[in-house]
Amino acid sequence: MIDTIGSGIIKKKPFEKFHKQTGLYPVIGTMAGESRLRLQKWMKYGCNSFETNLIASYPLSIWTETDVWAYIRKFNLS
């Protein structure tokens, strides 16, 4: 299990580095259904997170795994 410090290094630091280098904010492909914490976060902030320390967009947060596979099939992605 990754603790809070490890999670910050693995997840948050790359986003901060991306923002520093580009001036842009990340678009993140996580889904709310993947964990209870992500669902709670989505319910509180929605798809775009401006009220947290990390400004980010989570456009796939309301997708399910079935939605992802349907999209892949529809557009013949490999």
N, C-alpha and C. Protein backbone atom coordinates (compact mmCIF):
# COMPACT_ATOMS: atom_id res chain seq x y z
N MET A 1 0.84 -1.17 0.00
CA MET A 1 0.00 0.00 0.00
C MET A 1 0.89 1.25 0.00
N ILE A 2 0.53 2.19 -0.81
CA ILE A 2 1.29 3.43 -0.91
C ILE A 2 0.76 4.40 0.13
N ASP A 3 1.65 4.94 0.94
CA ASP A 3 1.22 5.90 1.94
C ASP A 3 1.05 7.28 1.32
N THR A 4 0.65 8.23 2.13
CA THR A 4 0.41 9.59 1.64
C THR A 4 1.65 10.21 1.02
N ILE A 5 2.80 10.01 1.61
CA ILE A 5 4.04 10.56 1.07
C ILE A 5 4.35 9.93 -0.28
N GLY A 6 4.28 8.62 -0.36
CA GLY A 6 4.53 7.91 -1.62
C GLY A 6 3.54 8.32 -2.69
N SER A 7 2.29 8.49 -2.30
CA SER A 7 1.26 8.90 -3.25
C SER A 7 1.57 10.27 -3.82
N GLY A 8 2.06 11.17 -2.98
CA GLY A 8 2.41 12.51 -3.44
C GLY A 8 3.55 12.48 -4.44
N ILE A 9 4.52 11.62 -4.20
CA ILE A 9 5.67 11.51 -5.11
C ILE A 9 5.25 10.90 -6.45
N ILE A 10 4.45 9.87 -6.38
CA ILE A 10 4.06 9.15 -7.60
C ILE A 10 2.99 9.90 -8.39
N LYS A 11 2.03 10.51 -7.71
CA LYS A 11 0.88 11.10 -8.39
C LYS A 11 0.95 12.61 -8.53
N LYS A 12 1.26 13.31 -7.46
CA LYS A 12 1.15 14.77 -7.48
C LYS A 12 2.37 15.47 -8.05
N LYS A 13 3.55 14.97 -7.76
CA LYS A 13 4.77 15.64 -8.24
C LYS A 13 4.83 15.74 -9.77
N PRO A 14 4.47 14.67 -10.52
CA PRO A 14 4.50 14.80 -11.98
C PRO A 14 3.55 15.89 -12.49
N PHE A 15 2.39 16.06 -11.85
CA PHE A 15 1.46 17.09 -12.27
C PHE A 15 2.01 18.48 -11.99
N GLU A 16 2.66 18.63 -10.83
CA GLU A 16 3.27 19.91 -10.49
C GLU A 16 4.40 20.24 -11.47
N LYS A 17 5.20 19.23 -11.81
CA LYS A 17 6.30 19.42 -12.75
C LYS A 17 5.75 19.80 -14.13
N PHE A 18 4.71 19.12 -14.57
CA PHE A 18 4.07 19.43 -15.86
C PHE A 18 3.59 20.88 -15.87
N HIS A 19 2.94 21.30 -14.79
CA HIS A 19 2.44 22.68 -14.73
C HIS A 19 3.57 23.69 -14.75
N LYS A 20 4.64 23.42 -14.00
CA LYS A 20 5.79 24.35 -13.98
C LYS A 20 6.43 24.47 -15.36
N GLN A 21 6.55 23.34 -16.06
CA GLN A 21 7.23 23.34 -17.36
C GLN A 21 6.38 23.93 -18.47
N THR A 22 5.05 23.76 -18.40
CA THR A 22 4.20 24.16 -19.52
C THR A 22 3.27 25.32 -19.21
N GLY A 23 3.00 25.55 -17.92
CA GLY A 23 2.01 26.55 -17.55
C GLY A 23 0.59 26.04 -17.70
N LEU A 24 0.44 24.80 -18.11
CA LEU A 24 -0.87 24.18 -18.30
C LEU A 24 -1.22 23.32 -17.10
N TYR A 25 -2.49 22.99 -16.98
CA TYR A 25 -2.94 22.10 -15.92
C TYR A 25 -3.27 20.74 -16.51
N PRO A 26 -3.06 19.68 -15.75
CA PRO A 26 -3.25 18.34 -16.29
C PRO A 26 -4.71 17.94 -16.49
N VAL A 27 -4.92 17.10 -17.48
CA VAL A 27 -6.19 16.42 -17.69
C VAL A 27 -5.94 14.98 -17.27
N ILE A 28 -6.72 14.49 -16.32
CA ILE A 28 -6.44 13.21 -15.69
C ILE A 28 -7.53 12.19 -16.05
N GLY A 29 -7.12 10.98 -16.40
CA GLY A 29 -8.05 9.95 -16.86
C GLY A 29 -8.48 8.96 -15.80
N THR A 30 -8.71 9.40 -14.58
CA THR A 30 -9.18 8.47 -13.55
C THR A 30 -10.71 8.46 -13.52
N MET A 31 -11.26 7.35 -13.06
CA MET A 31 -12.72 7.20 -13.00
C MET A 31 -13.17 7.17 -11.55
N ALA A 32 -14.27 7.85 -11.26
CA ALA A 32 -14.80 7.94 -9.90
C ALA A 32 -15.13 6.56 -9.34
N GLY A 33 -15.54 5.64 -10.19
CA GLY A 33 -15.93 4.31 -9.75
C GLY A 33 -14.76 3.43 -9.34
N GLU A 34 -13.54 3.88 -9.54
CA GLU A 34 -12.36 3.07 -9.20
C GLU A 34 -12.09 3.01 -7.70
N SER A 35 -12.59 3.99 -6.96
CA SER A 35 -12.40 3.95 -5.50
C SER A 35 -13.42 4.85 -4.82
N ARG A 36 -13.66 4.57 -3.57
CA ARG A 36 -14.61 5.37 -2.80
C ARG A 36 -14.12 6.81 -2.65
N LEU A 37 -12.82 6.98 -2.44
CA LEU A 37 -12.26 8.32 -2.28
C LEU A 37 -12.43 9.14 -3.57
N ARG A 38 -12.18 8.51 -4.72
CA ARG A 38 -12.36 9.25 -5.99
C ARG A 38 -13.82 9.64 -6.20
N LEU A 39 -14.74 8.74 -5.84
CA LEU A 39 -16.16 9.05 -5.97
C LEU A 39 -16.53 10.21 -5.07
N GLN A 40 -16.05 10.22 -3.84
CA GLN A 40 -16.34 11.31 -2.90
C GLN A 40 -15.77 12.63 -3.43
N LYS A 41 -14.57 12.56 -3.97
CA LYS A 41 -13.92 13.76 -4.51
C LYS A 41 -14.71 14.29 -5.71
N TRP A 42 -15.17 13.37 -6.57
CA TRP A 42 -15.95 13.78 -7.74
C TRP A 42 -17.26 14.41 -7.30
N MET A 43 -17.90 13.81 -6.29
CA MET A 43 -19.17 14.35 -5.81
C MET A 43 -18.99 15.74 -5.21
N LYS A 44 -17.84 15.99 -4.62
CA LYS A 44 -17.58 17.29 -3.99
C LYS A 44 -17.18 18.35 -5.02
N TYR A 45 -16.28 17.98 -5.98
CA TYR A 45 -15.71 18.96 -6.90
C TYR A 45 -16.18 18.84 -8.34
N GLY A 46 -16.74 17.70 -8.73
CA GLY A 46 -17.14 17.51 -10.11
C GLY A 46 -15.94 17.16 -10.99
N CYS A 47 -16.09 17.38 -12.27
CA CYS A 47 -15.05 17.01 -13.24
C CYS A 47 -13.85 17.95 -13.24
N ASN A 48 -14.07 19.18 -12.82
CA ASN A 48 -12.98 20.16 -12.83
C ASN A 48 -12.73 20.63 -11.40
N SER A 49 -11.50 20.46 -10.98
CA SER A 49 -11.12 20.73 -9.60
C SER A 49 -10.36 22.05 -9.53
N PHE A 50 -11.06 23.11 -9.11
CA PHE A 50 -10.42 24.41 -8.96
C PHE A 50 -10.24 24.80 -7.50
N GLU A 51 -10.93 24.10 -6.61
CA GLU A 51 -10.92 24.47 -5.20
C GLU A 51 -9.92 23.65 -4.38
N THR A 52 -9.07 22.90 -5.03
CA THR A 52 -8.07 22.11 -4.32
C THR A 52 -6.69 22.70 -4.58
N ASN A 53 -5.67 22.11 -3.99
CA ASN A 53 -4.30 22.58 -4.22
C ASN A 53 -3.84 22.32 -5.65
N LEU A 54 -4.45 21.34 -6.30
CA LEU A 54 -4.07 20.97 -7.66
C LEU A 54 -5.23 21.24 -8.60
N ILE A 55 -5.12 22.25 -9.44
CA ILE A 55 -6.15 22.53 -10.44
C ILE A 55 -6.00 21.47 -11.53
N ALA A 56 -7.09 20.75 -11.79
CA ALA A 56 -7.03 19.67 -12.76
C ALA A 56 -8.42 19.39 -13.31
N SER A 57 -8.46 18.68 -14.43
CA SER A 57 -9.71 18.26 -15.05
C SER A 57 -9.74 16.74 -15.10
N TYR A 58 -10.88 16.17 -14.75
CA TYR A 58 -11.06 14.72 -14.73
C TYR A 58 -12.23 14.35 -15.65
N PRO A 59 -12.07 14.50 -16.96
CA PRO A 59 -13.21 14.31 -17.86
C PRO A 59 -13.74 12.88 -17.92
N LEU A 60 -12.94 11.90 -17.56
CA LEU A 60 -13.41 10.51 -17.61
C LEU A 60 -13.99 10.05 -16.27
N SER A 61 -14.08 10.94 -15.31
CA SER A 61 -14.48 10.52 -13.97
C SER A 61 -15.86 9.88 -13.92
N ILE A 62 -16.75 10.25 -14.80
CA ILE A 62 -18.09 9.65 -14.78
C ILE A 62 -18.21 8.43 -15.70
N TRP A 63 -17.15 8.11 -16.42
CA TRP A 63 -17.16 6.92 -17.28
C TRP A 63 -17.01 5.66 -16.43
N THR A 64 -17.53 4.58 -16.97
CA THR A 64 -17.32 3.27 -16.37
C THR A 64 -16.32 2.51 -17.25
N GLU A 65 -15.86 1.37 -16.78
CA GLU A 65 -14.98 0.55 -17.60
C GLU A 65 -15.69 0.13 -18.89
N THR A 66 -16.99 -0.13 -18.79
CA THR A 66 -17.78 -0.49 -19.98
C THR A 66 -17.78 0.66 -20.99
N ASP A 67 -17.91 1.89 -20.51
CA ASP A 67 -17.86 3.06 -21.39
C ASP A 67 -16.53 3.15 -22.12
N VAL A 68 -15.46 2.91 -21.40
CA VAL A 68 -14.12 2.98 -21.99
C VAL A 68 -13.99 1.94 -23.10
N TRP A 69 -14.38 0.70 -22.82
CA TRP A 69 -14.28 -0.36 -23.84
C TRP A 69 -15.18 -0.10 -25.03
N ALA A 70 -16.37 0.46 -24.80
CA ALA A 70 -17.27 0.81 -25.91
C ALA A 70 -16.64 1.88 -26.80
N TYR A 71 -16.00 2.86 -26.19
CA TYR A 71 -15.31 3.91 -26.94
C TYR A 71 -14.18 3.33 -27.77
N ILE A 72 -13.40 2.45 -27.16
CA ILE A 72 -12.28 1.81 -27.87
C ILE A 72 -12.79 1.04 -29.08
N ARG A 73 -13.86 0.27 -28.89
CA ARG A 73 -14.42 -0.49 -30.02
C ARG A 73 -15.00 0.43 -31.09
N LYS A 74 -15.74 1.43 -30.67
CA LYS A 74 -16.41 2.35 -31.61
C LYS A 74 -15.41 3.04 -32.53
N PHE A 75 -14.26 3.44 -31.99
CA PHE A 75 -13.27 4.17 -32.76
C PHE A 75 -12.08 3.32 -33.18
N ASN A 76 -12.25 2.01 -33.07
CA ASN A 76 -11.21 1.05 -33.50
C ASN A 76 -9.82 1.40 -32.96
N LEU A 77 -9.76 1.67 -31.68
CA LEU A 77 -8.49 2.00 -31.06
C LEU A 77 -7.82 0.71 -30.60
N SER A 78 -6.51 0.71 -30.61
CA SER A 78 -5.82 -0.51 -30.16
C SER A 78 -4.86 -0.19 -29.02
